[in-house]
Amino acid sequence: MTSGNSKAIMYLHWSTIEIEESGVQAMIKNLVKHGNSWAVVIDRPILDLLKIAPESQVELTTDGKSIRIAPIDSDDKKAKVRAARAKVNSKHSKAFKKLAE
């Protein structure tokens, strides 16, 4: 750490990781072109830390100013699907009954 600064900075493959005194880790990454889109490459050590396999699904959320990437727990995913199914069933129950006739 540098004096007067509460962050430790390490450089890893064109990335910057800042570890604040609160234990929060922030990584500065560059976007990379991927076809017609832009992508953020997540380094293997970060995937290992978060226990995310490369083929795992992640949830992206935003508040309009930042993006949060979080692993989806399979139980959490199932619960979300069940909740969505219940919502659709309750909203369209009459239509489903007519279709079943």
PDB file of N, CA and C in Angstrom:
ATOM      1  N   MET A   1       0.835  -1.176   0.000  1.00  0.00           N
ATOM      2  CA  MET A   1       0.000   0.000   0.000  1.00  0.00           C
ATOM      3  C   MET A   1       0.878   1.237   0.000  1.00  0.00           C
ATOM      4  N   THR A   2       0.358   2.279  -0.587  1.00  0.00           N
ATOM      5  CA  THR A   2       1.078   3.531  -0.586  1.00  0.00           C
ATOM      6  C   THR A   2       0.567   4.400   0.549  1.00  0.00           C
ATOM      7  N   SER A   3       1.396   5.281   1.039  1.00  0.00           N
ATOM      8  CA  SER A   3       0.955   6.127   2.142  1.00  0.00           C
ATOM      9  C   SER A   3      -0.131   7.078   1.660  1.00  0.00           C
ATOM     10  N   GLY A   4      -1.146   7.289   2.505  1.00  0.00           N
ATOM     11  CA  GLY A   4      -2.247   8.165   2.150  1.00  0.00           C
ATOM     12  C   GLY A   4      -3.277   7.515   1.249  1.00  0.00           C
ATOM     13  N   ASN A   5      -3.056   6.282   0.848  1.00  0.00           N
ATOM     14  CA  ASN A   5      -3.990   5.590  -0.027  1.00  0.00           C
ATOM     15  C   ASN A   5      -4.359   4.275   0.635  1.00  0.00           C
ATOM     16  N   SER A   6      -5.647   3.977   0.703  1.00  0.00           N
ATOM     17  CA  SER A   6      -6.090   2.767   1.385  1.00  0.00           C
ATOM     18  C   SER A   6      -6.289   1.608   0.422  1.00  0.00           C
ATOM     19  N   LYS A   7      -5.641   1.641  -0.739  1.00  0.00           N
ATOM     20  CA  LYS A   7      -5.818   0.575  -1.718  1.00  0.00           C
ATOM     21  C   LYS A   7      -4.478  -0.039  -2.084  1.00  0.00           C
ATOM     22  N   ALA A   8      -4.475  -1.354  -2.249  1.00  0.00           N
ATOM     23  CA  ALA A   8      -3.307  -2.054  -2.793  1.00  0.00           C
ATOM     24  C   ALA A   8      -3.624  -2.332  -4.253  1.00  0.00           C
ATOM     25  N   ILE A   9      -2.684  -2.137  -5.133  1.00  0.00           N
ATOM     26  CA  ILE A   9      -2.941  -2.323  -6.559  1.00  0.00           C
ATOM     27  C   ILE A   9      -1.952  -3.340  -7.121  1.00  0.00           C
ATOM     28  N   MET A  10      -2.481  -4.332  -7.855  1.00  0.00           N
ATOM     29  CA  MET A  10      -1.656  -5.319  -8.540  1.00  0.00           C
ATOM     30  C   MET A  10      -2.040  -5.289 -10.013  1.00  0.00           C
ATOM     31  N   TYR A  11      -1.086  -5.496 -10.875  1.00  0.00           N
ATOM     32  CA  TYR A  11      -1.373  -5.539 -12.304  1.00  0.00           C
ATOM     33  C   TYR A  11      -1.270  -6.977 -12.788  1.00  0.00           C
ATOM     34  N   LEU A  12      -2.348  -7.477 -13.414  1.00  0.00           N
ATOM     35  CA  LEU A  12      -2.396  -8.839 -13.929  1.00  0.00           C
ATOM     36  C   LEU A  12      -2.921  -8.811 -15.362  1.00  0.00           C
ATOM     37  N   HIS A  13      -2.108  -9.140 -16.308  1.00  0.00           N
ATOM     38  CA  HIS A  13      -2.551  -9.267 -17.698  1.00  0.00           C
ATOM     39  C   HIS A  13      -3.447  -8.116 -18.136  1.00  0.00           C
ATOM     40  N   TRP A  14      -2.980  -6.941 -18.101  1.00  0.00           N
ATOM     41  CA  TRP A  14      -3.700  -5.750 -18.519  1.00  0.00           C
ATOM     42  C   TRP A  14      -4.893  -5.440 -17.622  1.00  0.00           C
ATOM     43  N   SER A  15      -4.942  -6.033 -16.445  1.00  0.00           N
ATOM     44  CA  SER A  15      -6.027  -5.795 -15.502  1.00  0.00           C
ATOM     45  C   SER A  15      -5.458  -5.153 -14.250  1.00  0.00           C
ATOM     46  N   THR A  16      -6.276  -4.407 -13.567  1.00  0.00           N
ATOM     47  CA  THR A  16      -5.875  -3.827 -12.297  1.00  0.00           C
ATOM     48  C   THR A  16      -6.836  -4.322 -11.233  1.00  0.00           C
ATOM     49  N   ILE A  17      -6.292  -4.851 -10.147  1.00  0.00           N
ATOM     50  CA  ILE A  17      -7.123  -5.265  -9.018  1.00  0.00           C
ATOM     51  C   ILE A  17      -6.834  -4.315  -7.872  1.00  0.00           C
ATOM     52  N   GLU A  18      -7.860  -3.730  -7.319  1.00  0.00           N
ATOM     53  CA  GLU A  18      -7.708  -2.859  -6.172  1.00  0.00           C
ATOM     54  C   GLU A  18      -8.377  -3.529  -4.982  1.00  0.00           C
ATOM     55  N   ILE A  19      -7.653  -3.676  -3.899  1.00  0.00           N
ATOM     56  CA  ILE A  19      -8.206  -4.275  -2.695  1.00  0.00           C
ATOM     57  C   ILE A  19      -8.290  -3.172  -1.645  1.00  0.00           C
ATOM     58  N   GLU A  20      -9.510  -2.804  -1.294  1.00  0.00           N
ATOM     59  CA  GLU A  20      -9.720  -1.738  -0.330  1.00  0.00           C
ATOM     60  C   GLU A  20      -9.657  -2.298   1.079  1.00  0.00           C
ATOM     61  N   GLU A  21      -9.520  -1.416   2.059  1.00  0.00           N
ATOM     62  CA  GLU A  21      -9.453  -1.855   3.452  1.00  0.00           C
ATOM     63  C   GLU A  21     -10.693  -2.629   3.872  1.00  0.00           C
ATOM     64  N   SER A  22     -11.839  -2.352   3.227  1.00  0.00           N
ATOM     65  CA  SER A  22     -13.081  -3.050   3.566  1.00  0.00           C
ATOM     66  C   SER A  22     -13.085  -4.485   3.062  1.00  0.00           C
ATOM     67  N   GLY A  23     -12.075  -4.866   2.264  1.00  0.00           N
ATOM     68  CA  GLY A  23     -12.019  -6.218   1.716  1.00  0.00           C
ATOM     69  C   GLY A  23     -12.671  -6.331   0.357  1.00  0.00           C
ATOM     70  N   VAL A  24     -13.293  -5.250  -0.127  1.00  0.00           N
ATOM     71  CA  VAL A  24     -13.925  -5.253  -1.437  1.00  0.00           C
ATOM     72  C   VAL A  24     -12.836  -5.240  -2.495  1.00  0.00           C
ATOM     73  N   GLN A  25     -12.987  -6.092  -3.479  1.00  0.00           N
ATOM     74  CA  GLN A  25     -12.016  -6.152  -4.565  1.00  0.00           C
ATOM     75  C   GLN A  25     -12.647  -5.564  -5.820  1.00  0.00           C
ATOM     76  N   ALA A  26     -11.920  -4.691  -6.478  1.00  0.00           N
ATOM     77  CA  ALA A  26     -12.388  -4.104  -7.733  1.00  0.00           C
ATOM     78  C   ALA A  26     -11.348  -4.386  -8.796  1.00  0.00           C
ATOM     79  N   MET A  27     -11.796  -4.783  -9.958  1.00  0.00           N
ATOM     80  CA  MET A  27     -10.879  -5.080 -11.054  1.00  0.00           C
ATOM     81  C   MET A  27     -11.213  -4.165 -12.219  1.00  0.00           C
ATOM     82  N   ILE A  28     -10.217  -3.536 -12.768  1.00  0.00           N
ATOM     83  CA  ILE A  28     -10.405  -2.700 -13.941  1.00  0.00           C
ATOM     84  C   ILE A  28     -10.032  -3.535 -15.164  1.00  0.00           C
ATOM     85  N   LYS A  29     -10.982  -3.681 -16.071  1.00  0.00           N
ATOM     86  CA  LYS A  29     -10.790  -4.502 -17.267  1.00  0.00           C
ATOM     87  C   LYS A  29     -11.133  -3.675 -18.498  1.00  0.00           C
ATOM     88  N   ASN A  30     -10.563  -4.046 -19.617  1.00  0.00           N
ATOM     89  CA  ASN A  30     -10.925  -3.451 -20.900  1.00  0.00           C
ATOM     90  C   ASN A  30     -11.924  -4.348 -21.599  1.00  0.00           C
ATOM     91  N   LEU A  31     -12.871  -3.751 -22.306  1.00  0.00           N
ATOM     92  CA  LEU A  31     -13.788  -4.522 -23.127  1.00  0.00           C
ATOM     93  C   LEU A  31     -13.038  -5.026 -24.350  1.00  0.00           C
ATOM     94  N   VAL A  32     -13.415  -6.209 -24.822  1.00  0.00           N
ATOM     95  CA  VAL A  32     -12.803  -6.774 -26.017  1.00  0.00           C
ATOM     96  C   VAL A  32     -13.899  -7.052 -27.043  1.00  0.00           C
ATOM     97  N   LYS A  33     -13.585  -6.863 -28.295  1.00  0.00           N
ATOM     98  CA  LYS A  33     -14.537  -7.096 -29.377  1.00  0.00           C
ATOM     99  C   LYS A  33     -14.792  -8.595 -29.507  1.00  0.00           C
ATOM    100  N   HIS A  34     -16.062  -8.976 -29.583  1.00  0.00           N
ATOM    101  CA  HIS A  34     -16.460 -10.383 -29.725  1.00  0.00           C
ATOM    102  C   HIS A  34     -17.587 -10.411 -30.754  1.00  0.00           C
ATOM    103  N   GLY A  35     -17.248 -10.636 -32.023  1.00  0.00           N
ATOM    104  CA  GLY A  35     -18.255 -10.575 -33.088  1.00  0.00           C
ATOM    105  C   GLY A  35     -18.752  -9.145 -33.215  1.00  0.00           C
ATOM    106  N   ASN A  36     -20.076  -8.969 -33.165  1.00  0.00           N
ATOM    107  CA  ASN A  36     -20.669  -7.635 -33.217  1.00  0.00           C
ATOM    108  C   ASN A  36     -20.879  -7.048 -31.828  1.00  0.00           C
ATOM    109  N   SER A  37     -20.404  -7.722 -30.809  1.00  0.00           N
ATOM    110  CA  SER A  37     -20.616  -7.293 -29.431  1.00  0.00           C
ATOM    111  C   SER A  37     -19.289  -6.990 -28.752  1.00  0.00           C
ATOM    112  N   TRP A  38     -19.390  -6.584 -27.513  1.00  0.00           N
ATOM    113  CA  TRP A  38     -18.215  -6.337 -26.674  1.00  0.00           C
ATOM    114  C   TRP A  38     -18.315  -7.243 -25.467  1.00  0.00           C
ATOM    115  N   ALA A  39     -17.180  -7.734 -24.984  1.00  0.00           N
ATOM    116  CA  ALA A  39     -17.170  -8.707 -23.892  1.00  0.00           C
ATOM    117  C   ALA A  39     -16.172  -8.298 -22.819  1.00  0.00           C
ATOM    118  N   VAL A  40     -16.417  -8.791 -21.624  1.00  0.00           N
ATOM    119  CA  VAL A  40     -15.472  -8.674 -20.524  1.00  0.00           C
ATOM    120  C   VAL A  40     -14.922 -10.072 -20.289  1.00  0.00           C
ATOM    121  N   VAL A  41     -13.622 -10.223 -20.347  1.00  0.00           N
ATOM    122  CA  VAL A  41     -12.990 -11.518 -20.109  1.00  0.00           C
ATOM    123  C   VAL A  41     -12.717 -11.623 -18.612  1.00  0.00           C
ATOM    124  N   ILE A  42     -13.220 -12.702 -18.011  1.00  0.00           N
ATOM    125  CA  ILE A  42     -13.016 -12.931 -16.579  1.00  0.00           C
ATOM    126  C   ILE A  42     -11.881 -13.932 -16.435  1.00  0.00           C
ATOM    127  N   ASP A  43     -10.830 -13.519 -15.758  1.00  0.00           N
ATOM    128  CA  ASP A  43      -9.645 -14.360 -15.607  1.00  0.00           C
ATOM    129  C   ASP A  43      -9.933 -15.587 -14.746  1.00  0.00           C
ATOM    130  N   ARG A  44      -9.230 -16.671 -15.015  1.00  0.00           N
ATOM    131  CA  ARG A  44      -9.408 -17.944 -14.307  1.00  0.00           C
ATOM    132  C   ARG A  44      -9.332 -17.790 -12.783  1.00  0.00           C
ATOM    133  N   PRO A  45      -8.382 -17.029 -12.215  1.00  0.00           N
ATOM    134  CA  PRO A  45      -8.344 -16.908 -10.751  1.00  0.00           C
ATOM    135  C   PRO A  45      -9.632 -16.317 -10.166  1.00  0.00           C
ATOM    136  N   ILE A  46     -10.266 -15.409 -10.891  1.00  0.00           N
ATOM    137  CA  ILE A  46     -11.525 -14.833 -10.411  1.00  0.00           C
ATOM    138  C   ILE A  46     -12.633 -15.878 -10.492  1.00  0.00           C
ATOM    139  N   LEU A  47     -12.682 -16.635 -11.596  1.00  0.00           N
ATOM    140  CA  LEU A  47     -13.673 -17.712 -11.713  1.00  0.00           C
ATOM    141  C   LEU A  47     -13.496 -18.727 -10.584  1.00  0.00           C
ATOM    142  N   ASP A  48     -12.249 -19.082 -10.296  1.00  0.00           N
ATOM    143  CA  ASP A  48     -11.971 -20.037  -9.219  1.00  0.00           C
ATOM    144  C   ASP A  48     -12.394 -19.480  -7.869  1.00  0.00           C
ATOM    145  N   LEU A  49     -12.097 -18.201  -7.619  1.00  0.00           N
ATOM    146  CA  LEU A  49     -12.461 -17.562  -6.356  1.00  0.00           C
ATOM    147  C   LEU A  49     -13.964 -17.599  -6.127  1.00  0.00           C
ATOM    148  N   LEU A  50     -14.726 -17.353  -7.190  1.00  0.00           N
ATOM    149  CA  LEU A  50     -16.185 -17.310  -7.095  1.00  0.00           C
ATOM    150  C   LEU A  50     -16.844 -18.662  -7.335  1.00  0.00           C
ATOM    151  N   LYS A  51     -16.014 -19.679  -7.585  1.00  0.00           N
ATOM    152  CA  LYS A  51     -16.506 -21.034  -7.869  1.00  0.00           C
ATOM    153  C   LYS A  51     -17.482 -21.032  -9.049  1.00  0.00           C
ATOM    154  N   ILE A  52     -17.053 -20.368 -10.136  1.00  0.00           N
ATOM    155  CA  ILE A  52     -17.847 -20.311 -11.362  1.00  0.00           C
ATOM    156  C   ILE A  52     -17.107 -21.110 -12.432  1.00  0.00           C
ATOM    157  N   ALA A  53     -17.772 -22.100 -12.997  1.00  0.00           N
ATOM    158  CA  ALA A  53     -17.202 -22.854 -14.115  1.00  0.00           C
ATOM    159  C   ALA A  53     -17.425 -22.048 -15.398  1.00  0.00           C
ATOM    160  N   PRO A  54     -16.551 -22.181 -16.379  1.00  0.00           N
ATOM    161  CA  PRO A  54     -16.720 -21.405 -17.616  1.00  0.00           C
ATOM    162  C   PRO A  54     -18.079 -21.601 -18.285  1.00  0.00           C
ATOM    163  N   GLU A  55     -18.686 -22.760 -18.137  1.00  0.00           N
ATOM    164  CA  GLU A  55     -19.982 -23.002 -18.774  1.00  0.00           C
ATOM    165  C   GLU A  55     -21.167 -22.612 -17.888  1.00  0.00           C
ATOM    166  N   SER A  56     -20.908 -22.106 -16.694  1.00  0.00           N
ATOM    167  CA  SER A  56     -21.974 -21.724 -15.769  1.00  0.00           C
ATOM    168  C   SER A  56     -22.740 -20.506 -16.263  1.00  0.00           C
ATOM    169  N   GLN A  57     -24.003 -20.443 -15.868  1.00  0.00           N
ATOM    170  CA  GLN A  57     -24.783 -19.249 -16.142  1.00  0.00           C
ATOM    171  C   GLN A  57     -24.518 -18.239 -15.041  1.00  0.00           C
ATOM    172  N   VAL A  58     -24.518 -16.967 -15.419  1.00  0.00           N
ATOM    173  CA  VAL A  58     -24.377 -15.889 -14.449  1.00  0.00           C
ATOM    174  C   VAL A  58     -25.533 -14.929 -14.631  1.00  0.00           C
ATOM    175  N   GLU A  59     -25.829 -14.182 -13.592  1.00  0.00           N
ATOM    176  CA  GLU A  59     -26.900 -13.192 -13.646  1.00  0.00           C
ATOM    177  C   GLU A  59     -26.263 -11.815 -13.723  1.00  0.00           C
ATOM    178  N   LEU A  60     -26.692 -11.028 -14.694  1.00  0.00           N
ATOM    179  CA  LEU A  60     -26.238  -9.652 -14.825  1.00  0.00           C
ATOM    180  C   LEU A  60     -27.341  -8.739 -14.316  1.00  0.00           C
ATOM    181  N   THR A  61     -27.003  -7.856 -13.394  1.00  0.00           N
ATOM    182  CA  THR A  61     -27.959  -6.869 -12.915  1.00  0.00           C
ATOM    183  C   THR A  61     -27.322  -5.495 -13.042  1.00  0.00           C
ATOM    184  N   THR A  62     -28.150  -4.489 -13.194  1.00  0.00           N
ATOM    185  CA  THR A  62     -27.630  -3.139 -13.315  1.00  0.00           C
ATOM    186  C   THR A  62     -28.551  -2.154 -12.607  1.00  0.00           C
ATOM    187  N   ASP A  63     -27.959  -1.085 -12.123  1.00  0.00           N
ATOM    188  CA  ASP A  63     -28.722   0.020 -11.555  1.00  0.00           C
ATOM    189  C   ASP A  63     -28.697   1.214 -12.504  1.00  0.00           C
ATOM    190  N   GLY A  64     -28.220   0.990 -13.728  1.00  0.00           N
ATOM    191  CA  GLY A  64     -28.110   2.044 -14.719  1.00  0.00           C
ATOM    192  C   GLY A  64     -26.746   2.711 -14.722  1.00  0.00           C
ATOM    193  N   LYS A  65     -25.935   2.440 -13.711  1.00  0.00           N
ATOM    194  CA  LYS A  65     -24.605   3.037 -13.614  1.00  0.00           C
ATOM    195  C   LYS A  65     -23.508   1.981 -13.556  1.00  0.00           C
ATOM    196  N   SER A  66     -23.845   0.796 -13.093  1.00  0.00           N
ATOM    197  CA  SER A  66     -22.861  -0.273 -12.973  1.00  0.00           C
ATOM    198  C   SER A  66     -23.515  -1.611 -13.275  1.00  0.00           C
ATOM    199  N   ILE A  67     -22.673  -2.603 -13.528  1.00  0.00           N
ATOM    200  CA  ILE A  67     -23.139  -3.960 -13.813  1.00  0.00           C
ATOM    201  C   ILE A  67     -22.598  -4.876 -12.732  1.00  0.00           C
ATOM    202  N   ARG A  68     -23.444  -5.738 -12.221  1.00  0.00           N
ATOM    203  CA  ARG A  68     -23.042  -6.746 -11.244  1.00  0.00           C
ATOM    204  C   ARG A  68     -23.188  -8.102 -11.911  1.00  0.00           C
ATOM    205  N   ILE A  69     -22.156  -8.918 -11.826  1.00  0.00           N
ATOM    206  CA  ILE A  69     -22.172 -10.272 -12.383  1.00  0.00           C
ATOM    207  C   ILE A  69     -22.108 -11.232 -11.207  1.00  0.00           C
ATOM    208  N   ALA A  70     -23.095 -12.125 -11.099  1.00  0.00           N
ATOM    209  CA  ALA A  70     -23.142 -13.056  -9.973  1.00  0.00           C
ATOM    210  C   ALA A  70     -23.472 -14.457 -10.480  1.00  0.00           C
ATOM    211  N   PRO A  71     -22.854 -15.472  -9.877  1.00  0.00           N
ATOM    212  CA  PRO A  71     -23.200 -16.843 -10.268  1.00  0.00           C
ATOM    213  C   PRO A  71     -24.636 -17.153  -9.877  1.00  0.00           C
ATOM    214  N   ILE A  72     -25.277 -17.980 -10.688  1.00  0.00           N
ATOM    215  CA  ILE A  72     -26.643 -18.410 -10.376  1.00  0.00           C
ATOM    216  C   ILE A  72     -26.556 -19.754  -9.689  1.00  0.00           C
ATOM    217  N   ASP A  73     -27.053 -19.811  -8.491  1.00  0.00           N
ATOM    218  CA  ASP A  73     -27.132 -21.072  -7.757  1.00  0.00           C
ATOM    219  C   ASP A  73     -28.235 -21.897  -8.405  1.00  0.00           C
ATOM    220  N   SER A  74     -27.986 -23.163  -8.657  1.00  0.00           N
ATOM    221  CA  SER A  74     -28.982 -23.981  -9.349  1.00  0.00           C
ATOM    222  C   SER A  74     -30.302 -24.021  -8.580  1.00  0.00           C
ATOM    223  N   ASP A  75     -30.255 -24.034  -7.242  1.00  0.00           N
ATOM    224  CA  ASP A  75     -31.498 -24.002  -6.461  1.00  0.00           C
ATOM    225  C   ASP A  75     -32.202 -22.666  -6.641  1.00  0.00           C
ATOM    226  N   ASP A  76     -31.425 -21.582  -6.702  1.00  0.00           N
ATOM    227  CA  ASP A  76     -31.980 -20.251  -6.912  1.00  0.00           C
ATOM    228  C   ASP A  76     -32.626 -20.167  -8.285  1.00  0.00           C
ATOM    229  N   LYS A  77     -31.980 -20.753  -9.285  1.00  0.00           N
ATOM    230  CA  LYS A  77     -32.512 -20.750 -10.649  1.00  0.00           C
ATOM    231  C   LYS A  77     -33.843 -21.507 -10.695  1.00  0.00           C
ATOM    232  N   LYS A  78     -33.887 -22.658 -10.043  1.00  0.00           N
ATOM    233  CA  LYS A  78     -35.129 -23.438 -10.016  1.00  0.00           C
ATOM    234  C   LYS A  78     -36.241 -22.674  -9.320  1.00  0.00           C
ATOM    235  N   ALA A  79     -35.907 -21.981  -8.245  1.00  0.00           N
ATOM    236  CA  ALA A  79     -36.912 -21.202  -7.516  1.00  0.00           C
ATOM    237  C   ALA A  79     -37.448 -20.068  -8.394  1.00  0.00           C
ATOM    238  N   LYS A  80     -36.577 -19.431  -9.161  1.00  0.00           N
ATOM    239  CA  LYS A  80     -37.015 -18.353 -10.052  1.00  0.00           C
ATOM    240  C   LYS A  80     -37.923 -18.886 -11.148  1.00  0.00           C
ATOM    241  N   VAL A  81     -37.596 -20.060 -11.687  1.00  0.00           N
ATOM    242  CA  VAL A  81     -38.430 -20.666 -12.727  1.00  0.00           C
ATOM    243  C   VAL A  81     -39.796 -21.027 -12.150  1.00  0.00           C
ATOM    244  N   ARG A  82     -39.807 -21.610 -10.948  1.00  0.00           N
ATOM    245  CA  ARG A  82     -41.089 -21.953 -10.309  1.00  0.00           C
ATOM    246  C   ARG A  82     -41.935 -20.709 -10.067  1.00  0.00           C
ATOM    247  N   ALA A  83     -41.313 -19.630  -9.601  1.00  0.00           N
ATOM    248  CA  ALA A  83     -42.042 -18.385  -9.332  1.00  0.00           C
ATOM    249  C   ALA A  83     -42.595 -17.795 -10.627  1.00  0.00           C
ATOM    250  N   ALA A  84     -41.788 -17.825 -11.691  1.00  0.00           N
ATOM    251  CA  ALA A  84     -42.249 -17.309 -12.984  1.00  0.00           C
ATOM    252  C   ALA A  84     -43.400 -18.145 -13.519  1.00  0.00           C
ATOM    253  N   ARG A  85     -43.290 -19.475 -13.385  1.00  0.00           N
ATOM    254  CA  ARG A  85     -44.358 -20.376 -13.854  1.00  0.00           C
ATOM    255  C   ARG A  85     -45.653 -20.121 -13.082  1.00  0.00           C
ATOM    256  N   ALA A  86     -45.553 -19.946 -11.780  1.00  0.00           N
ATOM    257  CA  ALA A  86     -46.741 -19.677 -10.966  1.00  0.00           C
ATOM    258  C   ALA A  86     -47.387 -18.353 -11.362  1.00  0.00           C
ATOM    259  N   LYS A  87     -46.573 -17.360 -11.649  1.00  0.00           N
ATOM    260  CA  LYS A  87     -47.097 -16.046 -12.050  1.00  0.00           C
ATOM    261  C   LYS A  87     -47.831 -16.145 -13.381  1.00  0.00           C
ATOM    262  N   VAL A  88     -47.231 -16.843 -14.345  1.00  0.00           N
ATOM    263  CA  VAL A  88     -47.861 -17.007 -15.662  1.00  0.00           C
ATOM    264  C   VAL A  88     -49.142 -17.828 -15.531  1.00  0.00           C
ATOM    265  N   ASN A  89     -49.084 -18.911 -14.758  1.00  0.00           N
ATOM    266  CA  ASN A  89     -50.277 -19.753 -14.576  1.00  0.00           C
ATOM    267  C   ASN A  89     -51.423 -18.978 -13.946  1.00  0.00           C
ATOM    268  N   SER A  90     -51.127 -18.168 -12.936  1.00  0.00           N
ATOM    269  CA  SER A  90     -52.205 -17.420 -12.275  1.00  0.00           C
ATOM    270  C   SER A  90     -52.757 -16.327 -13.188  1.00  0.00           C
ATOM    271  N   LYS A  91     -51.905 -15.722 -13.983  1.00  0.00           N
ATOM    272  CA  LYS A  91     -52.341 -14.635 -14.866  1.00  0.00           C
ATOM    273  C   LYS A  91     -53.143 -15.156 -16.055  1.00  0.00           C
ATOM    274  N   HIS A  92     -52.788 -16.337 -16.558  1.00  0.00           N
ATOM    275  CA  HIS A  92     -53.414 -16.857 -17.783  1.00  0.00           C
ATOM    276  C   HIS A  92     -54.157 -18.164 -17.565  1.00  0.00           C
ATOM    277  N   SER A  93     -54.624 -18.423 -16.346  1.00  0.00           N
ATOM    278  CA  SER A  93     -55.263 -19.711 -16.044  1.00  0.00           C
ATOM    279  C   SER A  93     -56.503 -19.962 -16.921  1.00  0.00           C
ATOM    280  N   LYS A  94     -57.316 -18.946 -17.166  1.00  0.00           N
ATOM    281  CA  LYS A  94     -58.503 -19.135 -17.992  1.00  0.00           C
ATOM    282  C   LYS A  94     -58.131 -19.539 -19.415  1.00  0.00           C
ATOM    283  N   ALA A  95     -57.133 -18.889 -19.970  1.00  0.00           N
ATOM    284  CA  ALA A  95     -56.699 -19.210 -21.340  1.00  0.00           C
ATOM    285  C   ALA A  95     -56.149 -20.634 -21.404  1.00  0.00           C
ATOM    286  N   PHE A  96     -55.374 -21.032 -20.400  1.00  0.00           N
ATOM    287  CA  PHE A  96     -54.828 -22.389 -20.377  1.00  0.00           C
ATOM    288  C   PHE A  96     -55.934 -23.432 -20.269  1.00  0.00           C
ATOM    289  N   LYS A  97     -56.977 -23.144 -19.465  1.00  0.00           N
ATOM    290  CA  LYS A  97     -58.104 -24.081 -19.340  1.00  0.00           C
ATOM    291  C   LYS A  97     -58.849 -24.231 -20.666  1.00  0.00           C
ATOM    292  N   LYS A  98     -59.021 -23.108 -21.377  1.00  0.00           N
ATOM    293  CA  LYS A  98     -59.698 -23.173 -22.683  1.00  0.00           C
ATOM    294  C   LYS A  98     -58.863 -23.967 -23.689  1.00  0.00           C
ATOM    295  N   LEU A  99     -57.558 -23.755 -23.654  1.00  0.00           N
ATOM    296  CA  LEU A  99     -56.683 -24.485 -24.559  1.00  0.00           C
ATOM    297  C   LEU A  99     -56.694 -25.979 -24.269  1.00  0.00           C
ATOM    298  N   ALA A 100     -56.893 -26.332 -23.022  1.00  0.00           N
ATOM    299  CA  ALA A 100     -56.886 -27.741 -22.637  1.00  0.00           C
ATOM    300  C   ALA A 100     -58.171 -28.471 -23.002  1.00  0.00           C
ATOM    301  N   GLU A 101     -59.226 -27.724 -23.299  1.00  0.00           N
ATOM    302  CA  GLU A 101     -60.522 -28.342 -23.624  1.00  0.00           C
ATOM    303  C   GLU A 101     -60.498 -29.052 -24.959  1.00  0.00           C
TER     304      GLU A 101
END
